[in-house]
C-alpha cells in the first residue's frame, strides 16, 4: 500500500506538509524497492532517513507549537518522544537481526502510527497555527 498525501492528511501548513511529503516519499521508495525484490538493500537507508527525519520534523513542529503557545504542546511532545523511542527500538532490532519481513512490518506499522498522528494531531496543530484556536 502506497502512502499518498490525500486531503485528510493536508494540514495547510507549508512546512509541515512539505516534511510529510518527504516522509511518504521515503516510505514509498522502500515499498517500491520491496516490490522489485530489493527491499533488503533499501531498508537500512530508509530507517536511517526516518531517524533523522523525526528529529528534524518533530523539532520543527515543536518550535512552531512553542512560539504559538499551542495548548496541546505537552501531549504532542510526549507523543513525539515515545515515537522516537519506538523507532529506536525498531532500528536496534533491524541492526541486530538484519533486514527481514518482520523488520519491514515493524517499520510499516511505525509509518502507520505517523499517518494517524498526522490525520488527527498535526491537523489540529495546523488549524491552531492558522486560526489561533
N, C-alpha and C. Protein backbone atom coordinates (compact mmCIF):
# COMPACT_ATOMS: atom_id res chain seq x y z
N UNK A 1 0.83 -1.17 0.00
CA UNK A 1 0.00 0.00 0.00
C UNK A 1 0.88 1.25 0.00
N UNK A 2 0.73 2.07 -1.01
CA UNK A 2 1.49 3.32 -1.10
C UNK A 2 0.85 4.37 -0.20
N UNK A 3 1.68 5.24 0.30
CA UNK A 3 1.20 6.35 1.11
C UNK A 3 1.04 7.56 0.20
N UNK A 4 -0.13 8.14 0.22
CA UNK A 4 -0.44 9.30 -0.60
C UNK A 4 -0.86 10.45 0.28
N UNK A 5 -0.50 11.66 -0.12
CA UNK A 5 -0.94 12.84 0.60
C UNK A 5 -2.34 13.17 0.09
N UNK A 6 -3.32 12.71 0.84
CA UNK A 6 -4.72 12.94 0.49
C UNK A 6 -5.24 14.13 1.29
N UNK A 7 -6.41 14.59 0.92
CA UNK A 7 -7.00 15.78 1.55
C UNK A 7 -7.05 15.66 3.07
N UNK A 8 -7.32 14.46 3.57
CA UNK A 8 -7.43 14.29 5.03
C UNK A 8 -6.07 14.35 5.73
N UNK A 9 -4.99 14.41 4.96
CA UNK A 9 -3.65 14.48 5.54
C UNK A 9 -2.99 15.84 5.32
N UNK A 10 -3.60 16.69 4.53
CA UNK A 10 -3.02 18.01 4.27
C UNK A 10 -3.39 18.92 5.44
N UNK A 11 -2.36 19.49 6.05
CA UNK A 11 -2.60 20.35 7.21
C UNK A 11 -2.83 21.80 6.81
N UNK A 12 -2.32 22.20 5.65
CA UNK A 12 -2.41 23.59 5.24
C UNK A 12 -1.21 24.41 5.70
N UNK A 13 -0.32 23.81 6.47
CA UNK A 13 0.92 24.48 6.87
C UNK A 13 2.01 24.01 5.91
N UNK A 14 2.60 24.96 5.18
CA UNK A 14 3.54 24.61 4.11
C UNK A 14 4.72 23.79 4.62
N UNK A 15 5.31 24.18 5.75
CA UNK A 15 6.47 23.45 6.28
C UNK A 15 6.07 22.03 6.68
N UNK A 16 5.02 21.91 7.44
CA UNK A 16 4.59 20.58 7.92
C UNK A 16 4.23 19.69 6.73
N UNK A 17 3.44 20.21 5.78
CA UNK A 17 3.04 19.39 4.63
C UNK A 17 4.23 18.98 3.79
N UNK A 18 5.19 19.88 3.60
CA UNK A 18 6.39 19.56 2.83
C UNK A 18 7.16 18.42 3.49
N UNK A 19 7.31 18.49 4.80
CA UNK A 19 8.03 17.44 5.52
C UNK A 19 7.25 16.12 5.49
N UNK A 20 5.94 16.18 5.56
CA UNK A 20 5.15 14.94 5.47
C UNK A 20 5.33 14.29 4.10
N UNK A 21 5.41 15.10 3.06
CA UNK A 21 5.64 14.54 1.71
C UNK A 21 6.99 13.81 1.65
N UNK A 22 8.00 14.36 2.31
CA UNK A 22 9.31 13.70 2.35
C UNK A 22 9.19 12.33 3.03
N UNK A 23 8.42 12.28 4.10
CA UNK A 23 8.20 11.01 4.80
C UNK A 23 7.54 10.00 3.87
N UNK A 24 6.47 10.41 3.21
CA UNK A 24 5.75 9.49 2.33
C UNK A 24 6.62 9.03 1.18
N UNK A 25 7.43 9.94 0.63
CA UNK A 25 8.34 9.56 -0.46
C UNK A 25 9.32 8.49 -0.01
N UNK A 26 9.87 8.65 1.19
CA UNK A 26 10.85 7.67 1.70
C UNK A 26 10.21 6.30 1.90
N UNK A 27 9.03 6.28 2.49
CA UNK A 27 8.33 5.00 2.71
C UNK A 27 7.95 4.38 1.37
N UNK A 28 7.43 5.18 0.46
CA UNK A 28 7.04 4.65 -0.85
C UNK A 28 8.24 4.13 -1.63
N UNK A 29 9.39 4.79 -1.50
CA UNK A 29 10.60 4.29 -2.17
C UNK A 29 10.99 2.92 -1.63
N UNK A 30 10.84 2.73 -0.33
CA UNK A 30 11.12 1.41 0.26
C UNK A 30 10.12 0.38 -0.25
N UNK A 31 8.84 0.74 -0.27
CA UNK A 31 7.83 -0.20 -0.75
C UNK A 31 8.06 -0.56 -2.22
N UNK A 32 8.45 0.42 -3.03
CA UNK A 32 8.78 0.15 -4.44
C UNK A 32 9.97 -0.81 -4.54
N UNK A 33 10.98 -0.59 -3.71
CA UNK A 33 12.15 -1.47 -3.71
C UNK A 33 11.74 -2.89 -3.32
N UNK A 34 10.84 -3.01 -2.35
CA UNK A 34 10.37 -4.34 -1.93
C UNK A 34 9.65 -5.03 -3.09
N UNK A 35 8.83 -4.28 -3.81
CA UNK A 35 8.09 -4.85 -4.94
C UNK A 35 9.03 -5.34 -6.03
N UNK A 36 10.22 -4.74 -6.09
CA UNK A 36 11.21 -5.15 -7.08
C UNK A 36 12.20 -6.18 -6.53
N UNK A 37 11.94 -6.66 -5.32
CA UNK A 37 12.83 -7.63 -4.70
C UNK A 37 14.11 -7.03 -4.15
N UNK A 38 14.13 -5.71 -3.92
CA UNK A 38 15.33 -5.02 -3.46
C UNK A 38 15.13 -4.36 -2.10
N UNK A 39 14.13 -4.80 -1.38
CA UNK A 39 13.79 -4.19 -0.10
C UNK A 39 14.89 -4.30 0.93
N UNK A 40 15.58 -5.45 0.96
CA UNK A 40 16.65 -5.64 1.94
C UNK A 40 17.76 -4.61 1.75
N UNK A 41 17.98 -4.21 0.51
CA UNK A 41 19.02 -3.21 0.24
C UNK A 41 18.59 -1.81 0.66
N UNK A 42 17.31 -1.55 0.68
CA UNK A 42 16.79 -0.19 0.90
C UNK A 42 16.36 0.06 2.35
N UNK A 43 16.11 -0.99 3.12
CA UNK A 43 15.52 -0.80 4.45
C UNK A 43 16.44 -0.03 5.40
N UNK A 44 17.74 -0.29 5.36
CA UNK A 44 18.66 0.44 6.24
C UNK A 44 18.67 1.93 5.90
N UNK A 45 18.70 2.24 4.62
CA UNK A 45 18.68 3.63 4.18
C UNK A 45 17.41 4.33 4.66
N UNK A 46 16.30 3.64 4.57
CA UNK A 46 15.02 4.22 4.97
C UNK A 46 14.97 4.44 6.48
N UNK A 47 15.44 3.48 7.23
CA UNK A 47 15.44 3.63 8.70
C UNK A 47 16.37 4.77 9.11
N UNK A 48 17.52 4.89 8.47
CA UNK A 48 18.42 5.99 8.76
C UNK A 48 17.74 7.33 8.46
N UNK A 49 17.08 7.41 7.31
CA UNK A 49 16.35 8.62 6.97
C UNK A 49 15.28 8.91 8.02
N UNK A 50 14.49 7.90 8.40
CA UNK A 50 13.40 8.13 9.35
C UNK A 50 13.90 8.64 10.69
N UNK A 51 15.00 8.10 11.16
CA UNK A 51 15.54 8.57 12.43
C UNK A 51 15.96 10.04 12.34
N UNK A 52 16.59 10.43 11.25
CA UNK A 52 16.95 11.84 11.05
C UNK A 52 15.70 12.69 10.86
N UNK A 53 14.77 12.17 10.09
CA UNK A 53 13.53 12.89 9.79
C UNK A 53 12.77 13.23 11.06
N UNK A 54 12.56 12.26 11.95
CA UNK A 54 11.74 12.54 13.13
C UNK A 54 12.41 13.58 14.02
N UNK A 55 13.72 13.56 14.10
CA UNK A 55 14.40 14.57 14.92
C UNK A 55 14.14 15.97 14.33
N UNK A 56 14.34 16.11 13.03
CA UNK A 56 14.13 17.42 12.40
C UNK A 56 12.66 17.81 12.40
N UNK A 57 11.81 16.93 11.92
CA UNK A 57 10.39 17.26 11.76
C UNK A 57 9.73 17.53 13.11
N UNK A 58 9.95 16.67 14.08
CA UNK A 58 9.34 16.89 15.39
C UNK A 58 9.88 18.18 16.01
N UNK A 59 11.16 18.45 15.82
CA UNK A 59 11.72 19.70 16.32
C UNK A 59 11.07 20.91 15.66
N UNK A 60 10.87 20.85 14.34
CA UNK A 60 10.21 21.94 13.63
C UNK A 60 8.80 22.15 14.15
N UNK A 61 8.05 21.06 14.31
CA UNK A 61 6.68 21.17 14.83
C UNK A 61 6.67 21.76 16.23
N UNK A 62 7.58 21.30 17.06
CA UNK A 62 7.58 21.77 18.45
C UNK A 62 7.99 23.24 18.55
N UNK A 63 8.88 23.69 17.69
CA UNK A 63 9.23 25.12 17.68
C UNK A 63 8.01 25.96 17.30
N UNK A 64 7.25 25.49 16.31
CA UNK A 64 6.01 26.18 15.93
C UNK A 64 5.03 26.21 17.11
N UNK A 65 4.93 25.09 17.81
CA UNK A 65 3.99 25.00 18.93
C UNK A 65 4.38 25.95 20.06
N UNK A 66 5.65 25.98 20.39
CA UNK A 66 6.12 26.84 21.49
C UNK A 66 5.92 28.31 21.12
N UNK A 67 6.30 28.67 19.89
CA UNK A 67 6.17 30.08 19.51
C UNK A 67 4.71 30.53 19.44
N UNK A 68 3.80 29.61 19.12
CA UNK A 68 2.37 29.95 19.04
C UNK A 68 1.64 29.71 20.35
N UNK A 69 2.38 29.23 21.37
CA UNK A 69 1.77 28.89 22.66
C UNK A 69 0.63 27.88 22.49
N UNK A 70 0.92 26.84 21.75
CA UNK A 70 -0.06 25.78 21.45
C UNK A 70 -0.45 25.07 22.75
N UNK A 71 -1.73 25.05 23.10
CA UNK A 71 -2.13 24.48 24.40
C UNK A 71 -1.92 22.97 24.52
N UNK A 72 -1.83 22.26 23.41
CA UNK A 72 -1.63 20.81 23.48
C UNK A 72 -0.16 20.43 23.27
N UNK A 73 0.74 21.38 23.50
CA UNK A 73 2.16 21.11 23.28
C UNK A 73 2.65 19.90 24.08
N UNK A 74 2.33 19.84 25.34
CA UNK A 74 2.86 18.76 26.19
C UNK A 74 2.47 17.38 25.67
N UNK A 75 1.21 17.19 25.31
CA UNK A 75 0.79 15.87 24.81
C UNK A 75 1.42 15.57 23.45
N UNK A 76 1.56 16.59 22.62
CA UNK A 76 2.18 16.40 21.31
C UNK A 76 3.65 16.03 21.50
N UNK A 77 4.33 16.73 22.39
CA UNK A 77 5.73 16.45 22.69
C UNK A 77 5.88 15.03 23.26
N UNK A 78 4.98 14.64 24.15
CA UNK A 78 5.03 13.30 24.73
C UNK A 78 4.89 12.23 23.65
N UNK A 79 3.98 12.45 22.71
CA UNK A 79 3.86 11.52 21.58
C UNK A 79 5.17 11.45 20.81
N UNK A 80 5.73 12.61 20.50
CA UNK A 80 6.98 12.64 19.73
C UNK A 80 8.09 11.85 20.42
N UNK A 81 8.24 12.06 21.72
CA UNK A 81 9.30 11.36 22.46
C UNK A 81 9.06 9.85 22.45
N UNK A 82 7.83 9.43 22.66
CA UNK A 82 7.51 8.00 22.62
C UNK A 82 7.74 7.40 21.24
N UNK A 83 7.40 8.16 20.21
CA UNK A 83 7.60 7.68 18.86
C UNK A 83 9.08 7.51 18.57
N UNK A 84 9.89 8.47 18.99
CA UNK A 84 11.34 8.35 18.77
C UNK A 84 11.90 7.12 19.48
N UNK A 85 11.40 6.84 20.68
CA UNK A 85 11.86 5.63 21.40
C UNK A 85 11.45 4.37 20.64
N UNK A 86 10.23 4.34 20.14
CA UNK A 86 9.75 3.17 19.38
C UNK A 86 10.58 2.98 18.11
N UNK A 87 10.84 4.07 17.41
CA UNK A 87 11.65 3.97 16.19
C UNK A 87 13.06 3.51 16.50
N UNK A 88 13.60 3.94 17.63
CA UNK A 88 14.93 3.49 18.05
C UNK A 88 14.93 1.99 18.30
N UNK A 89 13.84 1.46 18.88
CA UNK A 89 13.74 0.01 19.10
C UNK A 89 13.66 -0.74 17.77
N UNK A 90 12.86 -0.23 16.84
CA UNK A 90 12.77 -0.85 15.50
C UNK A 90 14.15 -0.85 14.86
N UNK A 91 14.85 0.26 14.97
CA UNK A 91 16.19 0.38 14.38
C UNK A 91 17.16 -0.61 15.03
N UNK A 92 17.12 -0.71 16.35
CA UNK A 92 18.03 -1.62 17.07
C UNK A 92 17.76 -3.07 16.66
N UNK A 93 16.50 -3.43 16.54
CA UNK A 93 16.15 -4.80 16.12
C UNK A 93 16.65 -5.06 14.71
N UNK A 94 16.48 -4.09 13.83
CA UNK A 94 16.95 -4.24 12.46
C UNK A 94 18.46 -4.40 12.41
N UNK A 95 19.17 -3.60 13.20
CA UNK A 95 20.63 -3.70 13.21
C UNK A 95 21.09 -5.03 13.79
N UNK A 96 20.37 -5.52 14.79
CA UNK A 96 20.75 -6.78 15.43
C UNK A 96 20.41 -7.99 14.56
N UNK A 97 19.19 -8.00 14.01
CA UNK A 97 18.70 -9.18 13.29
C UNK A 97 18.85 -9.09 11.78
N UNK A 98 19.12 -7.89 11.27
CA UNK A 98 19.22 -7.72 9.82
C UNK A 98 17.85 -7.53 9.19
N UNK A 99 17.84 -7.20 7.90
CA UNK A 99 16.58 -6.97 7.20
C UNK A 99 15.74 -8.25 7.16
N UNK A 100 14.46 -8.07 7.40
CA UNK A 100 13.55 -9.22 7.38
C UNK A 100 12.13 -8.73 7.12
N UNK A 101 11.25 -9.66 6.88
CA UNK A 101 9.83 -9.32 6.73
C UNK A 101 9.32 -8.70 8.02
N UNK A 102 9.78 -9.21 9.17
CA UNK A 102 9.34 -8.66 10.46
C UNK A 102 9.80 -7.21 10.62
N UNK A 103 11.03 -6.93 10.21
CA UNK A 103 11.55 -5.56 10.31
C UNK A 103 10.75 -4.62 9.41
N UNK A 104 10.45 -5.09 8.20
CA UNK A 104 9.65 -4.29 7.28
C UNK A 104 8.26 -4.05 7.87
N UNK A 105 7.68 -5.08 8.47
CA UNK A 105 6.36 -4.94 9.10
C UNK A 105 6.38 -3.93 10.23
N UNK A 106 7.43 -3.98 11.06
CA UNK A 106 7.55 -3.04 12.17
C UNK A 106 7.72 -1.62 11.65
N UNK A 107 8.48 -1.47 10.59
CA UNK A 107 8.67 -0.15 10.00
C UNK A 107 7.38 0.37 9.39
N UNK A 108 6.66 -0.49 8.72
CA UNK A 108 5.38 -0.11 8.13
C UNK A 108 4.37 0.27 9.21
N UNK A 109 4.39 -0.47 10.31
CA UNK A 109 3.50 -0.15 11.44
C UNK A 109 3.86 1.22 12.01
N UNK A 110 5.14 1.50 12.15
CA UNK A 110 5.59 2.80 12.65
C UNK A 110 5.13 3.92 11.71
N UNK A 111 5.19 3.68 10.41
CA UNK A 111 4.72 4.68 9.45
C UNK A 111 3.22 4.89 9.60
N UNK A 112 2.49 3.82 9.82
CA UNK A 112 1.04 3.93 10.01
C UNK A 112 0.68 4.76 11.23
N UNK A 113 1.46 4.62 12.29
CA UNK A 113 1.24 5.43 13.50
C UNK A 113 1.43 6.91 13.17
N UNK A 114 2.45 7.22 12.38
CA UNK A 114 2.68 8.61 12.00
C UNK A 114 1.53 9.15 11.15
N UNK A 115 1.03 8.34 10.24
CA UNK A 115 -0.08 8.78 9.39
C UNK A 115 -1.31 9.10 10.25
N UNK A 116 -1.59 8.25 11.23
CA UNK A 116 -2.71 8.53 12.14
C UNK A 116 -2.48 9.82 12.91
N UNK A 117 -1.26 10.03 13.35
CA UNK A 117 -0.90 11.24 14.09
C UNK A 117 -1.09 12.48 13.20
N UNK A 118 -0.68 12.37 11.96
CA UNK A 118 -0.85 13.48 11.01
C UNK A 118 -2.33 13.80 10.85
N UNK A 119 -3.10 12.75 10.63
CA UNK A 119 -4.54 12.90 10.35
C UNK A 119 -5.28 13.58 11.50
N UNK A 120 -4.82 13.39 12.72
CA UNK A 120 -5.54 13.96 13.86
C UNK A 120 -4.76 15.11 14.48
N UNK A 121 -3.65 14.83 15.10
CA UNK A 121 -2.94 15.81 15.91
C UNK A 121 -2.27 16.92 15.08
N UNK A 122 -1.64 16.55 13.97
CA UNK A 122 -0.98 17.58 13.17
C UNK A 122 -1.99 18.50 12.51
N UNK A 123 -3.14 17.96 12.15
CA UNK A 123 -4.19 18.81 11.58
C UNK A 123 -4.72 19.78 12.64
N UNK A 124 -4.85 19.33 13.88
CA UNK A 124 -5.27 20.23 14.96
C UNK A 124 -4.24 21.34 15.14
N UNK A 125 -2.98 20.95 15.14
CA UNK A 125 -1.90 21.93 15.29
C UNK A 125 -1.96 22.96 14.16
N UNK A 126 -2.05 22.52 12.94
CA UNK A 126 -2.07 23.44 11.79
C UNK A 126 -3.28 24.37 11.86
N UNK A 127 -4.41 23.83 12.26
CA UNK A 127 -5.62 24.68 12.41
C UNK A 127 -5.38 25.76 13.47
N UNK A 128 -4.77 25.36 14.58
CA UNK A 128 -4.46 26.32 15.64
C UNK A 128 -3.49 27.39 15.13
N UNK A 129 -2.47 26.97 14.40
CA UNK A 129 -1.49 27.93 13.89
C UNK A 129 -2.14 28.92 12.92
N UNK A 130 -3.10 28.43 12.16
CA UNK A 130 -3.76 29.28 11.19
C UNK A 130 -4.80 30.20 11.83
N UNK A 131 -5.59 29.64 12.74
CA UNK A 131 -6.73 30.38 13.29
C UNK A 131 -6.49 30.88 14.72
N UNK A 132 -5.45 30.35 15.37
CA UNK A 132 -5.21 30.76 16.73
C UNK A 132 -6.17 30.14 17.72
N UNK A 133 -6.76 28.97 17.33
CA UNK A 133 -7.67 28.28 18.27
C UNK A 133 -7.60 26.79 18.10
